[in-house]
Protein backbone atom coordinates (compact mmCIF):
# COMPACT_ATOMS: atom_id res chain seq x y z
CA UNK A 1 41.23 -8.80 -89.33
CA UNK A 2 37.88 -7.15 -89.89
CA UNK A 3 34.58 -8.71 -89.12
CA UNK A 4 32.84 -10.62 -91.77
CA UNK A 5 29.79 -8.45 -91.78
CA UNK A 6 31.91 -5.34 -91.95
CA UNK A 7 30.52 -3.82 -88.73
CA UNK A 8 32.68 -2.75 -85.81
CA UNK A 9 31.96 -4.60 -82.56
CA UNK A 10 30.75 -2.23 -79.74
CA UNK A 11 29.90 -3.06 -76.08
CA UNK A 12 26.30 -2.82 -75.04
CA UNK A 13 24.88 0.18 -73.15
CA UNK A 14 23.89 -1.94 -70.13
CA UNK A 15 27.34 -3.45 -69.61
CA UNK A 16 28.95 -0.02 -69.97
CA UNK A 17 26.71 1.37 -67.21
CA UNK A 18 27.65 -1.50 -64.89
CA UNK A 19 31.32 -1.00 -65.36
CA UNK A 20 31.06 2.79 -64.82
CA UNK A 21 28.88 2.27 -61.61
CA UNK A 22 31.48 -0.18 -60.28
CA UNK A 23 34.27 2.25 -61.05
CA UNK A 24 32.39 5.08 -59.29
CA UNK A 25 31.80 2.90 -56.18
CA UNK A 26 35.47 1.79 -56.15
CA UNK A 27 36.55 5.37 -56.44
CA UNK A 28 34.22 6.51 -53.71
CA UNK A 29 35.23 3.68 -51.38
CA UNK A 30 38.94 4.37 -51.99
CA UNK A 31 38.44 8.08 -51.19
CA UNK A 32 36.32 7.17 -48.08
CA UNK A 33 39.07 4.85 -46.80
CA UNK A 34 41.65 7.59 -47.24
CA UNK A 35 39.65 10.09 -45.18
CA UNK A 36 38.62 7.74 -42.35
CA UNK A 37 41.79 5.87 -41.78
CA UNK A 38 41.07 5.79 -38.07
CA UNK A 39 38.12 3.39 -38.56
CA UNK A 40 38.55 -0.35 -38.37
CA UNK A 41 37.66 -2.65 -41.24
CA UNK A 42 34.36 -3.53 -39.52
CA UNK A 43 33.48 0.17 -39.22
CA UNK A 44 34.18 0.65 -42.89
CA UNK A 45 32.12 -2.33 -43.82
CA UNK A 46 29.21 -1.10 -41.70
CA UNK A 47 29.31 2.36 -43.22
CA UNK A 48 29.53 0.83 -46.71
CA UNK A 49 26.42 -1.23 -46.08
CA UNK A 50 24.62 1.78 -44.66
CA UNK A 51 25.47 3.81 -47.79
CA UNK A 52 25.27 1.21 -50.62
CA UNK A 53 23.69 -1.93 -49.19
CA UNK A 54 20.16 -3.17 -49.26
CA UNK A 55 17.67 -1.90 -46.60
CA UNK A 56 18.16 -5.07 -44.52
CA UNK A 57 21.91 -4.78 -44.75
CA UNK A 58 21.76 -1.05 -43.79
CA UNK A 59 19.54 -1.93 -40.78
CA UNK A 60 21.93 -4.60 -39.62
CA UNK A 61 24.87 -2.20 -40.10
CA UNK A 62 23.17 0.47 -38.01
CA UNK A 63 22.52 -2.10 -35.26
CA UNK A 64 26.14 -3.27 -35.47
CA UNK A 65 27.30 0.27 -35.21
CA UNK A 66 25.29 0.80 -32.06
CA UNK A 67 26.61 -2.49 -30.54
CA UNK A 68 30.20 -1.41 -31.26
CA UNK A 69 29.74 1.94 -29.59
CA UNK A 70 27.28 1.17 -26.72
CA UNK A 71 28.34 1.47 -23.14
CA UNK A 72 25.90 -1.20 -22.01
CA UNK A 73 27.69 -4.29 -20.99
CA UNK A 74 27.45 -7.29 -23.25
CA UNK A 75 25.76 -5.36 -26.17
CA UNK A 76 28.99 -5.27 -28.26
CA UNK A 77 29.22 -9.06 -28.44
CA UNK A 78 25.80 -9.21 -30.15
CA UNK A 79 26.83 -7.05 -33.05
CA UNK A 80 30.15 -8.73 -33.94
CA UNK A 81 29.87 -10.16 -37.41
CA UNK A 82 32.74 -12.64 -37.32
CA UNK A 83 31.90 -14.34 -34.04
CA UNK A 84 30.49 -17.91 -33.88
CA UNK A 85 26.72 -18.29 -33.50
CA UNK A 86 26.95 -20.05 -30.22
CA UNK A 87 28.81 -17.09 -28.68
CA UNK A 88 26.01 -14.79 -29.76
CA UNK A 89 23.43 -17.15 -28.32
CA UNK A 90 25.30 -17.25 -25.00
CA UNK A 91 25.40 -13.50 -24.78
CA UNK A 92 21.77 -13.15 -25.79
CA UNK A 93 20.84 -15.50 -22.93
CA UNK A 94 23.00 -13.62 -20.48
CA UNK A 95 21.66 -10.27 -21.59
CA UNK A 96 17.97 -11.42 -21.43
CA UNK A 97 18.49 -12.94 -17.94
CA UNK A 98 20.09 -9.72 -16.69
CA UNK A 99 17.14 -7.73 -18.04
CA UNK A 100 14.70 -10.08 -16.26
CA UNK A 101 16.48 -9.82 -12.87
CA UNK A 102 16.88 -6.04 -13.23
CA UNK A 103 13.21 -5.58 -14.19
CA UNK A 104 11.94 -7.77 -11.33
CA UNK A 105 13.93 -5.94 -8.67
CA UNK A 106 13.00 -2.53 -10.21
CA UNK A 107 9.34 -3.48 -10.04
CA UNK A 108 9.72 -4.30 -6.28
CA UNK A 109 11.20 -0.85 -5.73
CA UNK A 110 8.39 0.74 -7.82
CA UNK A 111 5.75 -1.10 -5.73
CA UNK A 112 7.25 0.23 -2.45
CA UNK A 113 7.61 3.72 -3.86
CA UNK A 114 4.11 3.78 -5.28
CA UNK A 115 2.20 2.02 -2.42
CA UNK A 116 4.31 2.59 0.65
CA UNK A 117 5.64 6.14 0.33
CA UNK A 118 5.01 7.11 3.92
CA UNK A 119 6.66 5.91 7.12
CA UNK A 120 5.69 6.97 10.64
CA UNK A 121 8.54 7.28 13.04
CA UNK A 122 9.43 9.18 16.17
CA UNK A 123 10.59 12.71 15.96
CA UNK A 124 14.28 13.51 16.55
CA UNK A 125 13.66 15.19 19.88
CA UNK A 126 10.93 15.22 22.60
CA UNK A 127 8.26 17.92 22.77
CA UNK A 128 7.51 19.81 25.95
CA UNK A 129 3.85 19.98 27.05
CA UNK A 130 3.81 23.80 26.91
CA UNK A 131 4.05 23.62 23.10
CA UNK A 132 0.58 22.00 22.82
CA UNK A 133 -2.75 23.17 24.30
CA UNK A 134 -4.27 21.51 27.31
CA UNK A 135 -7.06 19.27 26.01
CA UNK A 136 -10.58 20.65 25.64
CA UNK A 137 -12.70 18.91 28.31
CA UNK A 138 -16.40 18.29 27.75
CA UNK A 139 -18.40 17.09 30.74
CA UNK A 140 -22.01 15.86 30.32
CA UNK A 141 -24.23 14.87 33.19
CA UNK A 142 -26.00 11.49 33.00
CA UNK A 143 -29.11 13.07 34.59
CA UNK A 144 -31.03 14.63 31.81
CA UNK A 145 -34.10 15.49 33.87
CA UNK A 146 -34.27 16.93 37.34
CA UNK A 147 -36.99 14.87 38.92
CA UNK A 148 -37.80 17.75 41.34
CA UNK A 149 -38.47 20.05 38.35
CA UNK A 150 -39.79 17.63 35.77
CA UNK A 151 -40.61 14.05 36.78
CA UNK A 152 -39.78 12.29 33.54
CA UNK A 153 -40.69 8.81 34.90
CA UNK A 154 -44.11 9.80 36.04
CA UNK A 155 -45.04 11.73 32.83
CA UNK A 156 -43.61 8.95 30.64
CA UNK A 157 -45.76 6.26 32.18
CA UNK A 158 -48.84 8.47 32.07
CA UNK A 159 -48.21 8.94 28.36
CA UNK A 160 -47.81 5.20 27.85
CA UNK A 161 -51.05 4.46 29.71
CA UNK A 162 -52.83 6.99 27.52
CA UNK A 163 -51.50 5.37 24.34
CA UNK A 164 -52.34 1.81 25.44
CA UNK A 165 -55.43 2.15 27.53
CA UNK A 166 -56.72 5.46 26.23
CA UNK A 167 -57.02 6.63 29.80
CA UNK A 168 -55.99 10.21 29.49
CA UNK A 169 -54.61 11.57 32.70
CA UNK A 170 -53.92 15.17 33.39
CA UNK A 171 -50.84 15.91 31.23
CA UNK A 172 -50.28 19.49 30.35
CA UNK A 173 -48.99 20.56 26.97
CA UNK A 174 -45.85 21.89 28.69
CA UNK A 175 -45.14 18.49 30.20
CA UNK A 176 -45.69 16.81 26.84
CA UNK A 177 -43.26 19.21 25.23
CA UNK A 178 -40.64 18.46 27.93
CA UNK A 179 -41.26 14.77 27.43
CA UNK A 180 -40.82 14.82 23.64
CA UNK A 181 -37.72 16.98 24.11
CA UNK A 182 -36.26 14.44 26.56
CA UNK A 183 -36.78 11.65 24.02
CA UNK A 184 -34.02 13.28 21.92
CA UNK A 185 -31.40 12.49 24.60
CA UNK A 186 -32.86 9.46 26.35
CA UNK A 187 -32.45 5.87 25.32
CA UNK A 188 -34.25 5.38 21.92
CA UNK A 189 -36.04 2.18 23.11
CA UNK A 190 -38.30 4.34 25.23
CA UNK A 191 -39.91 5.92 22.15
CA UNK A 192 -42.73 3.46 21.51
CA UNK A 193 -45.33 5.78 19.90
CA UNK A 194 -44.42 8.43 17.39
CA UNK A 195 -45.51 11.97 17.95
CA UNK A 196 -47.60 13.81 15.34
CA UNK A 197 -45.02 16.28 14.22
CA UNK A 198 -42.04 15.58 11.99
CA UNK A 199 -39.98 18.66 12.90
CA UNK A 200 -39.32 20.75 15.96
CA UNK A 201 -38.20 24.24 16.77
CA UNK A 202 -34.45 23.81 17.44
CA UNK A 203 -34.21 26.87 19.63
CA UNK A 204 -37.17 25.79 21.74
CA UNK A 205 -35.85 22.25 21.97
CA UNK A 206 -32.33 23.32 23.25
CA UNK A 207 -33.87 25.81 25.65
CA UNK A 208 -36.19 23.04 27.12
CA UNK A 209 -33.26 20.61 27.47
CA UNK A 210 -31.16 23.22 29.28
CA UNK A 211 -34.08 24.03 31.52
CA UNK A 212 -34.91 20.52 32.73
CA UNK A 213 -31.31 19.34 33.17
CA UNK A 214 -29.27 19.99 36.34
CA UNK A 215 -28.10 23.54 36.37
CA UNK A 216 -24.50 24.68 36.18
CA UNK A 217 -24.19 25.76 39.86
CA UNK A 218 -25.59 22.36 40.98
CA UNK A 219 -22.85 20.46 39.10
CA UNK A 220 -19.70 22.61 39.51
CA UNK A 221 -18.85 23.27 43.14
CA UNK A 222 -15.17 24.17 42.96
CA UNK A 223 -12.61 24.64 40.18
CA UNK A 224 -8.88 25.07 40.33
CA UNK A 225 -6.72 25.74 37.25
CA UNK A 226 -2.94 25.57 37.49
CA UNK A 227 -3.21 25.41 41.29
CA UNK A 228 -5.24 28.66 41.45
CA UNK A 229 -8.89 28.66 42.54
CA UNK A 230 -11.04 30.01 39.68
CA UNK A 231 -14.67 30.74 39.23
CA UNK A 232 -16.03 27.70 37.31
CA UNK A 233 -18.26 29.93 35.14
CA UNK A 234 -15.07 31.51 33.75
CA UNK A 235 -13.66 28.12 32.72
CA UNK A 236 -16.66 26.17 31.50
CA UNK A 237 -19.27 27.14 28.96
CA UNK A 238 -22.36 25.45 27.65
CA UNK A 239 -21.80 23.63 24.32
CA UNK A 240 -24.27 21.67 22.23
CA UNK A 241 -23.24 18.02 21.63
CA UNK A 242 -25.01 14.84 20.49
CA UNK A 243 -25.65 14.10 24.16
CA UNK A 244 -27.47 17.35 24.66
CA UNK A 245 -26.21 20.55 26.28
CA UNK A 246 -22.89 19.93 28.00
CA UNK A 247 -20.15 22.03 29.60
CA UNK A 248 -16.78 22.46 27.86
CA UNK A 249 -13.46 23.83 28.97
CA UNK A 250 -10.67 25.19 26.75
CA UNK A 251 -12.44 24.83 23.47
CA UNK A 252 -12.76 27.45 20.76
CA UNK A 253 -16.02 29.49 20.52
CA UNK A 254 -18.67 28.78 17.99
CA UNK A 255 -17.47 31.79 15.95
CA UNK A 256 -14.02 30.19 15.69
CA UNK A 257 -15.30 26.74 15.10
CA UNK A 258 -18.09 27.07 12.55
CA UNK A 259 -18.21 28.84 9.21
CA UNK A 260 -20.84 31.51 8.54
CA UNK A 261 -23.07 28.97 6.87
CA UNK A 262 -23.11 26.69 9.86
CA UNK A 263 -23.14 29.45 12.50
CA UNK A 264 -26.71 29.40 13.56
CA UNK A 265 -28.10 31.12 16.68
CA UNK A 266 -28.98 27.84 18.34
CA UNK A 267 -25.33 26.89 18.89
CA UNK A 268 -24.06 30.30 19.89
CA UNK A 269 -24.59 29.99 23.62
CA UNK A 270 -21.72 32.12 24.86
CA UNK A 271 -19.14 34.58 23.72
CA UNK A 272 -15.95 35.72 25.34
CA UNK A 273 -14.15 39.01 25.48
CA UNK A 274 -10.63 37.85 24.67
CA UNK A 275 -8.10 38.43 21.93
CA UNK A 276 -7.82 36.28 18.90
CA UNK A 277 -6.52 32.79 19.32
CA UNK A 278 -2.75 32.47 19.00
CA UNK A 279 -2.82 28.87 18.08
CA UNK A 280 -3.70 26.51 15.15
CA UNK A 281 -3.43 22.80 14.75
CA UNK A 282 -0.62 22.76 12.12
CA UNK A 283 1.61 25.59 13.30
CA UNK A 284 1.02 25.48 17.02
CA UNK A 285 1.35 28.55 19.20
CA UNK A 286 2.63 31.87 17.91
CA UNK A 287 6.11 32.84 18.94
CA UNK A 288 4.75 35.93 20.75
CA UNK A 289 2.03 34.05 22.64
CA UNK A 290 2.33 34.41 26.40
CA UNK A 291 1.64 31.86 29.10
CA UNK A 292 -1.99 32.88 29.55
CA UNK A 293 -2.89 32.70 25.86
CA UNK A 294 -6.02 30.86 24.68
CA UNK A 295 -6.47 27.92 24.30
CA UNK A 296 -4.89 27.37 27.72
CA UNK A 297 -1.65 25.46 28.18
CA UNK A 298 0.19 24.24 31.23
CA UNK A 299 3.87 24.80 32.02
CA UNK A 300 4.62 21.32 33.44
CA UNK A 301 3.26 18.02 34.54
CA UNK A 302 1.53 16.88 37.72
CA UNK A 303 -1.75 17.47 39.47
CA UNK A 304 -0.97 21.05 40.58
CA UNK A 305 -0.26 22.08 37.01
CA UNK A 306 -3.58 20.82 35.63
CA UNK A 307 -7.30 21.12 36.26
CA UNK A 308 -8.96 20.10 39.55
CA UNK A 309 -12.81 19.93 39.89
CA UNK A 310 -15.30 19.13 42.58
CA UNK A 311 -18.51 17.93 40.92
CA UNK A 312 -21.87 17.20 42.58
CA UNK A 313 -25.32 15.92 41.92
CA UNK A 314 -28.55 16.11 43.92
CA UNK A 315 -29.61 12.60 44.66
CA UNK A 316 -33.36 13.31 44.68
CA UNK A 317 -33.09 14.61 41.11
CA UNK A 318 -31.54 11.42 39.76
CA UNK A 319 -33.58 9.84 36.91
CA UNK A 320 -33.20 6.04 36.39
CA UNK A 321 -35.48 5.67 33.41
CA UNK A 322 -34.19 8.01 30.78
CA UNK A 323 -30.54 6.88 30.77
CA UNK A 324 -30.50 3.76 32.90
CA UNK A 325 -29.25 3.17 36.41
CA UNK A 326 -25.78 4.63 35.78
CA UNK A 327 -25.34 8.01 37.40
CA UNK A 328 -22.48 10.41 37.24
CA UNK A 329 -20.79 12.20 34.31
CA UNK A 330 -19.46 11.46 30.81
CA UNK A 331 -16.12 13.09 30.02
CA UNK A 332 -14.50 13.58 26.63
CA UNK A 333 -10.90 14.80 25.91
CA UNK A 334 -10.62 16.39 22.49
CA UNK A 335 -8.73 19.02 20.48
CA UNK A 336 -9.80 22.61 20.75
CA UNK A 337 -11.97 23.41 17.76
CA UNK A 338 -13.23 19.84 17.44
CA UNK A 339 -16.85 19.07 18.22
CA UNK A 340 -16.84 16.07 20.68
CA UNK A 341 -18.83 12.98 19.84
CA UNK A 342 -19.94 12.23 23.39
CA UNK A 343 -22.11 9.21 22.58
CA UNK A 344 -19.24 7.45 20.78
CA UNK A 345 -16.23 7.79 23.02
CA UNK A 346 -16.07 8.96 26.56
CA UNK A 347 -14.78 8.29 30.08
CA UNK A 348 -17.21 7.61 32.90
CA UNK A 349 -16.86 9.63 36.04
CA UNK A 350 -19.05 8.05 38.84
CA UNK A 351 -20.22 9.67 42.01
CA UNK A 352 -18.50 9.20 45.37
CA UNK A 353 -15.14 8.69 43.67
CA UNK A 354 -11.88 10.61 43.43
CA UNK A 355 -10.67 10.21 39.83
CA UNK A 356 -7.15 11.03 38.62
CA UNK A 357 -6.62 11.28 34.87
CA UNK A 358 -2.96 11.33 33.76
CA UNK A 359 -2.93 12.50 30.10
CA UNK A 360 -0.48 11.21 27.58
CA UNK A 361 -0.61 13.31 24.35
CA UNK A 362 -0.33 11.52 21.04
CA UNK A 363 0.69 13.85 18.17
CA UNK A 364 1.36 12.99 14.58
CA UNK A 365 2.91 15.60 12.25
CA UNK A 366 3.71 15.35 8.57
CA UNK A 367 6.87 16.53 6.79
CA UNK A 368 6.73 19.09 4.02
CA UNK A 369 8.21 16.52 1.65
CA UNK A 370 4.80 14.71 1.55
CA UNK A 371 2.81 17.74 0.39
CA UNK A 372 3.21 16.82 -3.27
CA UNK A 373 1.67 13.41 -2.69
CA UNK A 374 -2.02 12.74 -3.16
CA UNK A 375 -3.89 12.75 0.14
CA UNK A 376 -5.01 9.11 -0.38
CA UNK A 377 -1.36 8.07 -0.78
CA UNK A 378 -0.24 9.75 2.38
CA UNK A 379 -3.54 9.01 4.10
CA UNK A 380 -4.14 12.50 5.58
CA UNK A 381 -5.30 15.99 4.70
CA UNK A 382 -3.53 19.26 5.26
CA UNK A 383 -5.78 22.07 6.41
CA UNK A 384 -5.80 23.83 3.02
CA UNK A 385 -6.58 20.60 1.13
CA UNK A 386 -10.06 19.80 2.51
CA UNK A 387 -12.61 22.53 3.07
CA UNK A 388 -15.58 21.58 5.15
CA UNK A 389 -18.92 23.27 4.52
CA UNK A 390 -19.75 24.06 8.11
CA UNK A 391 -16.46 23.94 9.99
CA UNK A 392 -13.37 26.22 9.75
CA UNK A 393 -11.07 23.57 11.16
CA UNK A 394 -10.61 20.25 9.48
CA UNK A 395 -10.46 17.22 11.75
CA UNK A 396 -11.52 13.71 11.07
CA UNK A 397 -14.29 14.04 13.70
CA UNK A 398 -15.69 17.29 12.22
CA UNK A 399 -15.63 15.78 8.77
CA UNK A 400 -17.45 12.62 9.93
CA UNK A 401 -20.11 14.74 11.69
CA UNK A 402 -20.72 16.86 8.60
CA UNK A 403 -20.93 13.76 6.40
CA UNK A 404 -23.41 12.12 8.80
CA UNK A 405 -25.53 15.28 8.82
CA UNK A 406 -25.73 15.32 5.00
CA UNK A 407 -26.55 11.60 4.92
CA UNK A 408 -29.24 11.95 7.59
CA UNK A 409 -30.85 14.89 5.75
CA UNK A 410 -31.00 12.77 2.58
CA UNK A 411 -32.56 9.82 4.46
CA UNK A 412 -34.87 11.47 6.97
CA UNK A 413 -35.50 14.96 5.53
CA UNK A 414 -34.14 16.50 8.75
CA UNK A 415 -31.11 16.37 11.00
CA UNK A 416 -30.50 15.86 14.72
CA UNK A 417 -30.44 19.07 16.72
CA UNK A 418 -26.68 18.67 17.44
CA UNK A 419 -25.67 18.13 13.81
CA UNK A 420 -24.02 20.95 11.73
CA UNK A 421 -26.52 22.40 9.38
CA UNK A 422 -27.71 25.41 7.50
CA UNK A 423 -30.23 27.59 9.24
CA UNK A 424 -32.95 26.53 6.78
CA UNK A 425 -32.44 22.78 7.38
CA UNK A 426 -35.27 21.33 9.58
CA UNK A 427 -34.50 19.68 12.89
CA UNK A 428 -35.95 16.21 13.60
CA UNK A 429 -38.57 15.64 16.24
CA UNK A 430 -38.80 12.74 18.62
CA UNK A 431 -40.57 10.59 16.02
CA UNK A 432 -37.50 10.83 13.84
CA UNK A 433 -35.04 9.54 16.43
CA UNK A 434 -35.18 5.99 15.04
CA UNK A 435 -34.64 7.38 11.56
CA UNK A 436 -31.41 9.33 12.25
CA UNK A 437 -30.12 6.45 14.43
CA UNK A 438 -30.72 4.06 11.50
CA UNK A 439 -29.12 6.51 9.06
CA UNK A 440 -25.97 6.49 11.19
CA UNK A 441 -25.89 2.70 11.10
CA UNK A 442 -26.39 2.61 7.38
CA UNK A 443 -23.60 5.13 6.76
CA UNK A 444 -21.28 3.15 9.04
CA UNK A 445 -22.09 0.01 7.04
CA UNK A 446 -21.55 1.77 3.78
CA UNK A 447 -18.15 3.04 4.90
CA UNK A 448 -17.28 -0.46 5.98
CA UNK A 449 -18.21 -2.01 2.67
CA UNK A 450 -16.29 0.63 0.67
CA UNK A 451 -13.30 0.15 2.93
CA UNK A 452 -13.39 -3.63 2.51
CA UNK A 453 -13.40 -3.19 -1.21
CA UNK A 454 -9.96 -1.53 -1.11
CA UNK A 455 -8.60 -3.58 1.83
CA UNK A 456 -6.21 -5.37 -0.50
CA UNK A 457 -4.35 -2.11 -1.18
CA UNK A 458 -1.86 -0.60 1.15
CA UNK A 459 -3.96 2.55 1.67
CA UNK A 460 -7.65 3.00 2.08
CA UNK A 461 -9.60 3.93 -1.05
CA UNK A 462 -12.12 6.74 -1.29
CA UNK A 463 -15.38 6.28 0.55
CA UNK A 464 -18.64 8.28 0.75
CA UNK A 465 -17.22 10.50 3.53
CA UNK A 466 -13.53 10.13 2.68
CA UNK A 467 -12.66 11.58 6.06
CA UNK A 468 -8.98 10.95 6.37
CA UNK A 469 -7.09 12.00 9.47
CA UNK A 470 -5.65 15.47 9.65
CA UNK A 471 -1.93 15.58 8.72
CA UNK A 472 -1.26 17.22 12.07
CA UNK A 473 -3.47 15.66 14.68
CA UNK A 474 -3.57 15.73 18.47
CA UNK A 475 -5.13 12.97 20.53
CA UNK A 476 -5.18 12.75 24.30
CA UNK A 477 -4.97 9.37 25.89
CA UNK A 478 -5.46 8.94 29.65
CA UNK A 479 -4.47 6.67 32.42
CA UNK A 480 -7.17 6.58 35.14
CA UNK A 481 -6.92 5.75 38.81
CA UNK A 482 -9.71 6.18 41.31
CA UNK A 483 -10.63 5.64 44.94
CA UNK A 484 -13.64 6.03 47.20
CA UNK A 485 -14.32 9.65 48.01
CA UNK A 486 -15.61 9.82 51.62
CA UNK A 487 -16.87 13.34 51.34
CA UNK A 488 -19.46 12.79 54.09
CA UNK A 489 -16.66 12.82 56.77
CA UNK A 490 -14.83 15.71 55.34
CA UNK A 491 -14.63 18.56 57.88
CA UNK A 492 -16.64 16.48 60.42
CA UNK A 493 -16.37 17.80 64.00
CA UNK A 494 -18.18 16.27 66.95
CA UNK A 495 -21.68 15.00 66.24
CA UNK A 496 -23.62 15.13 62.98
CA UNK A 497 -24.04 18.64 61.75
CA UNK A 498 -26.45 20.29 59.38
CA UNK A 499 -23.76 20.35 56.67
CA UNK A 500 -23.31 16.53 57.04
CA UNK A 501 -27.05 16.00 56.74
CA UNK A 502 -27.16 18.16 53.62
CA UNK A 503 -24.24 16.19 52.18
CA UNK A 504 -26.17 12.99 52.40
CA UNK A 505 -28.56 14.35 49.77
CA UNK A 506 -25.70 15.41 47.55
CA UNK A 507 -23.33 13.04 45.72
CA UNK A 508 -19.88 14.40 45.00
CA UNK A 509 -16.87 13.56 42.87
CA UNK A 510 -13.34 14.90 42.79
CA UNK A 511 -11.63 14.97 39.42
CA UNK A 512 -8.03 15.84 38.60
CA UNK A 513 -6.80 16.07 35.02
CA UNK A 514 -3.11 16.69 34.27
CA UNK A 515 -0.22 15.72 32.01
CA UNK A 516 1.64 12.65 33.16
CA UNK A 517 5.06 13.79 32.00
CA UNK A 518 6.63 17.17 31.18
CA UNK A 519 7.64 16.03 27.69
CA UNK A 520 6.60 13.41 25.15
CA UNK A 521 7.64 11.92 21.88
CA UNK A 522 5.92 13.13 18.70
CA UNK A 523 5.34 10.77 15.79
CA UNK A 524 6.09 12.07 12.29
CA UNK A 525 5.03 11.07 8.79
CA UNK A 526 7.91 11.27 6.29
CA UNK A 527 8.94 9.92 2.95
CA UNK A 528 10.00 6.20 2.97
CA UNK A 529 11.01 6.30 -0.66
CA UNK A 530 11.37 9.77 -2.19
CA UNK A 531 12.00 10.41 -5.86
CA UNK A 532 15.74 10.64 -5.18
CA UNK A 533 15.73 7.32 -3.37
CA UNK A 534 13.72 5.65 -6.12
CA UNK A 535 16.07 6.90 -8.89
CA UNK A 536 19.16 5.90 -6.83
CA UNK A 537 17.92 2.38 -6.21
CA UNK A 538 16.88 1.90 -9.89
CA UNK A 539 20.21 3.28 -11.01
CA UNK A 540 22.04 0.91 -8.77
CA UNK A 541 20.23 -2.09 -10.11
CA UNK A 542 20.75 -0.95 -13.71
CA UNK A 543 24.40 -0.49 -13.08
CA UNK A 544 24.81 -3.79 -11.20
CA UNK A 545 23.19 -6.00 -13.81
CA UNK A 546 23.72 -4.15 -17.05
CA UNK A 547 26.17 -1.30 -16.50
CA UNK A 548 23.55 1.18 -17.58
CA UNK A 549 23.78 4.85 -16.64
CA UNK A 550 21.98 7.97 -17.65
CA UNK A 551 24.32 8.47 -20.56
CA UNK A 552 23.57 4.94 -21.75
CA UNK A 553 19.89 5.84 -22.01
CA UNK A 554 20.79 9.11 -23.80
CA UNK A 555 22.97 7.00 -26.11
CA UNK A 556 20.02 4.80 -27.07
CA UNK A 557 17.88 7.85 -27.75
CA UNK A 558 20.81 9.31 -29.80
CA UNK A 559 21.16 6.24 -32.01
CA UNK A 560 17.42 6.00 -32.54
CA UNK A 561 17.04 9.65 -33.50
CA UNK A 562 20.02 11.81 -34.42
CA UNK A 563 22.40 9.10 -35.60
CA UNK A 564 19.62 7.24 -37.49
CA UNK A 565 18.52 10.47 -39.22
CA UNK A 566 22.17 11.28 -40.12
CA UNK A 567 22.73 7.77 -41.62
CA UNK A 568 19.51 7.94 -43.59
CA UNK A 569 20.50 11.33 -45.03
CA UNK A 570 23.95 10.05 -45.93
CA UNK A 571 22.38 6.99 -47.60
CA UNK A 572 19.96 9.08 -49.48
CA UNK A 573 22.73 11.43 -50.73
CA UNK A 574 24.92 8.62 -51.96
CA UNK A 575 21.92 6.93 -53.63
CA UNK A 576 21.16 10.24 -55.34
CA UNK A 577 24.73 10.64 -56.57
CA UNK A 578 24.77 7.14 -58.00
CA UNK A 579 21.45 7.69 -59.73
CA UNK A 580 22.72 10.93 -61.25
CA UNK A 581 25.87 9.21 -62.45
CA UNK A 582 23.78 6.51 -64.14
CA UNK A 583 21.63 9.06 -65.82
CA UNK A 584 24.71 10.95 -67.19
CA UNK A 585 26.23 7.70 -68.44
CA UNK A 586 23.02 6.79 -70.25
CA UNK A 587 23.01 10.32 -71.91
CA UNK A 588 26.64 9.96 -72.93
CA UNK A 589 25.97 6.55 -74.37
């Protein structure tokens, strides 16, 4: 039967396109199922959504695909499409809780690794004393003025009378020069009136101090090194310290201690005809160094293996105004190549005593595994990490003295005669003693404030000086015992002799310095948590709480990059094929 209007009924173009698009999708899906028969129905649904679904459906399908294939425990339960909601909520809670615990414990490991990378422990074996140098020994006399040569007390009070009463007594310019020079090493409270000059000639100052102090032959009567009597002048040499000219044994020369910039003629007081030093702080003695190499070392412990001295002082030359009523000597044990700070730390050696000093070395070394750490993290400097301007050898003491010299120069416009300096830097006169003493106090306070600011951290932050210890450092601790030394009765025969009468004017002291034991334990800085330990601990926590391994992390990266790009390309290709099919259908229609 024909239509009433006589026209043949034809389907619309839009419905034709829909049917053809559905037929194409059905054909494509059927072919896809035939080629991937190994996939499950869920896998096929995911891939269908990735290719043909909406963007939100494709995103969920990609996430489900990752969950199905992930090696991280618990992830696969989050992507299952046919599971109840309460099961997903349960696994979400478990997964979040595991992440929280794992992150918290990992942060604890990170904190230890970042803030406590170094541990100090004892070395595996003991170190014999012949592997380290015998300590450098600096001896300073408390008598700064020989009263028989320059009566400091008399000249001082004459000067005070002149300043207060204007009654000028007969004081020569030479005596005034000696008085002002003595002010540099006497107690600072004696300086009541400033002198007219700001600066002084360093060479003249040191020469004056050496001239008025007790002479070498008056102090050192006998010396014995390693149980062999030796001329004291071969063992001890004059060295400039903050306490004035002193006498030092077993230290490096000025040429080996200072750089060219800090090597001024004032401090070069002696030179030695000997071969180059076969020792440095970090490496120790060379393998080919013999037993008599320099700096000296001993072969064992005990008094006979060390240094024995007989020191003296002339009683009529004692001065009780310049340095107080204490008479005798100051003694400092320090590392060869280190300038001693006599006014800060010393042992007192009184007269009429026999003093025994049993030395216990304290050495800290640092393993090579810490070299890649920042100095502030390991809290020490290797020799090649911190160059000082005036010193060749880095030690904490040398660094502090150089920093103090720079700070004093900025505050006072000059430096103390014993401070490291360039040859053009002026040396302070007696009127500046209070200034450089105050500068030292200010620098100490500044270092304290800057240290307090970082006291909450596990390592000290940077300060003005930032003088960390040397990574290989040697300190010499001592146990002291002493007894009365009745030198007046030594060698007495019959009645009083001329020698006994002479000894009553001379005060004597016997001093023995030696190692207490033949070997000692060395401390060593090493890694507490290295990179390997950190990764192992983190990997253990990730595996314990989440089953994560390195491949799991690579898997996440893979799904976020390579797999995602592949899926997007596949989706774009199928979309393009469908659009082309629709265009061809429209043309045919």
